[in-house]
């Protein structure tokens, strides 16, 4: 059995976290855009002059995802050296 470099395991975990963040972003955007935005325009409520569905899906989603990405990078991501550590992996 071939020995796997630990960096691939770390990269795979971080890639899955990135995919999870993208799914959260899409669900947030879709839920607010089509949930609040499905009413007739006469019934829209507004936040800072923007329709509430747009504000929550785009502006609120951007702010939420910015905070989530910063949190995830600081807590779950690790600094990995890209130098070859072992002759076996050259």
C-alpha atoms as a PDB file:
ATOM      1  CA  UNK A   1       0.000   0.000   0.000  1.00  0.00           C
ATOM      2  CA  UNK A   2       1.367   3.395  -1.005  1.00  0.00           C
ATOM      3  CA  UNK A   3       1.951   5.926   1.758  1.00  0.00           C
ATOM      4  CA  UNK A   4      -0.092   9.107   1.233  1.00  0.00           C
ATOM      5  CA  UNK A   5       1.352  12.534   1.946  1.00  0.00           C
ATOM      6  CA  UNK A   6      -0.443  14.144   4.924  1.00  0.00           C
ATOM      7  CA  UNK A   7      -0.784  17.371   2.947  1.00  0.00           C
ATOM      8  CA  UNK A   8      -3.311  15.745   0.625  1.00  0.00           C
ATOM      9  CA  UNK A   9      -5.509  14.830   3.596  1.00  0.00           C
ATOM     10  CA  UNK A  10      -5.363  18.428   4.842  1.00  0.00           C
ATOM     11  CA  UNK A  11      -6.064  19.813   1.354  1.00  0.00           C
ATOM     12  CA  UNK A  12      -9.046  17.476   0.910  1.00  0.00           C
ATOM     13  CA  UNK A  13     -10.506  18.481   4.283  1.00  0.00           C
ATOM     14  CA  UNK A  14     -10.109  22.178   3.487  1.00  0.00           C
ATOM     15  CA  UNK A  15     -11.644  21.685   0.034  1.00  0.00           C
ATOM     16  CA  UNK A  16     -14.687  20.008   1.607  1.00  0.00           C
ATOM     17  CA  UNK A  17     -15.012  22.919   4.044  1.00  0.00           C
ATOM     18  CA  UNK A  18     -14.902  25.307   1.070  1.00  0.00           C
ATOM     19  CA  UNK A  19     -17.635  23.353  -0.698  1.00  0.00           C
ATOM     20  CA  UNK A  20     -19.703  23.433   2.497  1.00  0.00           C
ATOM     21  CA  UNK A  21     -19.341  27.218   2.674  1.00  0.00           C
ATOM     22  CA  UNK A  22     -20.426  27.529  -0.969  1.00  0.00           C
ATOM     23  CA  UNK A  23     -23.513  25.393  -0.278  1.00  0.00           C
ATOM     24  CA  UNK A  24     -24.385  27.530   2.775  1.00  0.00           C
ATOM     25  CA  UNK A  25     -23.994  30.664   0.649  1.00  0.00           C
ATOM     26  CA  UNK A  26     -26.268  29.294  -2.077  1.00  0.00           C
ATOM     27  CA  UNK A  27     -28.939  28.134   0.367  1.00  0.00           C
ATOM     28  CA  UNK A  28     -28.899  31.512   2.145  1.00  0.00           C
ATOM     29  CA  UNK A  29     -29.165  33.406  -1.153  1.00  0.00           C
ATOM     30  CA  UNK A  30     -31.821  31.117  -2.626  1.00  0.00           C
ATOM     31  CA  UNK A  31     -33.922  31.068   0.545  1.00  0.00           C
ATOM     32  CA  UNK A  32     -34.113  34.825   0.900  1.00  0.00           C
ATOM     33  CA  UNK A  33     -34.244  35.675  -2.819  1.00  0.00           C
ATOM     34  CA  UNK A  34     -37.058  33.276  -3.619  1.00  0.00           C
ATOM     35  CA  UNK A  35     -38.650  33.189  -0.175  1.00  0.00           C
ATOM     36  CA  UNK A  36     -39.102  36.915   0.375  1.00  0.00           C
ATOM     37  CA  UNK A  37     -38.959  37.808  -3.320  1.00  0.00           C
ATOM     38  CA  UNK A  38     -41.876  35.635  -4.365  1.00  0.00           C
ATOM     39  CA  UNK A  39     -44.461  38.230  -3.299  1.00  0.00           C
ATOM     40  CA  UNK A  40     -45.858  40.840  -5.667  1.00  0.00           C
ATOM     41  CA  UNK A  41     -43.663  43.988  -5.734  1.00  0.00           C
ATOM     42  CA  UNK A  42     -46.431  46.036  -4.081  1.00  0.00           C
ATOM     43  CA  UNK A  43     -46.028  43.937  -0.914  1.00  0.00           C
ATOM     44  CA  UNK A  44     -42.226  44.248  -0.621  1.00  0.00           C
ATOM     45  CA  UNK A  45     -40.720  45.696   2.511  1.00  0.00           C
ATOM     46  CA  UNK A  46     -37.537  47.728   2.212  1.00  0.00           C
ATOM     47  CA  UNK A  47     -34.252  47.899   4.119  1.00  0.00           C
ATOM     48  CA  UNK A  48     -32.023  50.912   3.411  1.00  0.00           C
ATOM     49  CA  UNK A  49     -33.985  51.568   0.213  1.00  0.00           C
ATOM     50  CA  UNK A  50     -33.488  48.032  -1.129  1.00  0.00           C
ATOM     51  CA  UNK A  51     -36.147  45.333  -1.257  1.00  0.00           C
ATOM     52  CA  UNK A  52     -35.803  43.155   1.848  1.00  0.00           C
ATOM     53  CA  UNK A  53     -35.304  39.998  -0.226  1.00  0.00           C
ATOM     54  CA  UNK A  54     -32.402  41.605  -2.112  1.00  0.00           C
ATOM     55  CA  UNK A  55     -30.858  43.115   0.996  1.00  0.00           C
ATOM     56  CA  UNK A  56     -30.987  39.845   2.948  1.00  0.00           C
ATOM     57  CA  UNK A  57     -29.890  37.600   0.062  1.00  0.00           C
ATOM     58  CA  UNK A  58     -27.112  39.759  -1.395  1.00  0.00           C
ATOM     59  CA  UNK A  59     -25.947  42.274   1.225  1.00  0.00           C
ATOM     60  CA  UNK A  60     -26.701  40.154   4.300  1.00  0.00           C
ATOM     61  CA  UNK A  61     -25.380  37.020   2.594  1.00  0.00           C
ATOM     62  CA  UNK A  62     -22.123  38.783   1.710  1.00  0.00           C
ATOM     63  CA  UNK A  63     -21.644  39.953   5.292  1.00  0.00           C
ATOM     64  CA  UNK A  64     -22.509  36.534   6.730  1.00  0.00           C
ATOM     65  CA  UNK A  65     -20.187  34.700   4.348  1.00  0.00           C
ATOM     66  CA  UNK A  66     -17.349  37.152   5.000  1.00  0.00           C
ATOM     67  CA  UNK A  67     -17.579  36.483   8.722  1.00  0.00           C
ATOM     68  CA  UNK A  68     -17.921  32.709   8.197  1.00  0.00           C
ATOM     69  CA  UNK A  69     -14.915  32.530   5.873  1.00  0.00           C
ATOM     70  CA  UNK A  70     -12.737  34.529   8.277  1.00  0.00           C
ATOM     71  CA  UNK A  71     -13.838  32.287  11.163  1.00  0.00           C
ATOM     72  CA  UNK A  72     -13.263  29.045   9.251  1.00  0.00           C
ATOM     73  CA  UNK A  73      -9.842  30.106   7.962  1.00  0.00           C
ATOM     74  CA  UNK A  74      -8.658  31.141  11.423  1.00  0.00           C
ATOM     75  CA  UNK A  75     -10.037  28.060  13.223  1.00  0.00           C
ATOM     76  CA  UNK A  76     -10.008  25.122  10.797  1.00  0.00           C
ATOM     77  CA  UNK A  77      -7.373  25.851   8.144  1.00  0.00           C
ATOM     78  CA  UNK A  78      -3.732  25.077   8.813  1.00  0.00           C
ATOM     79  CA  UNK A  79      -0.526  26.404   7.345  1.00  0.00           C
ATOM     80  CA  UNK A  80       1.130  23.627   5.360  1.00  0.00           C
ATOM     81  CA  UNK A  81       4.636  23.701   3.968  1.00  0.00           C
ATOM     82  CA  UNK A  82       4.812  22.955   0.260  1.00  0.00           C
ATOM     83  CA  UNK A  83       8.437  21.832   0.498  1.00  0.00           C
ATOM     84  CA  UNK A  84       9.062  18.146  -0.154  1.00  0.00           C
ATOM     85  CA  UNK A  85       9.665  16.588   3.264  1.00  0.00           C
ATOM     86  CA  UNK A  86      10.627  13.087   2.260  1.00  0.00           C
ATOM     87  CA  UNK A  87      12.689  11.619  -0.573  1.00  0.00           C
ATOM     88  CA  UNK A  88       9.808   9.196  -1.218  1.00  0.00           C
ATOM     89  CA  UNK A  89       7.534  12.033  -2.436  1.00  0.00           C
ATOM     90  CA  UNK A  90      10.015  13.679  -4.897  1.00  0.00           C
END
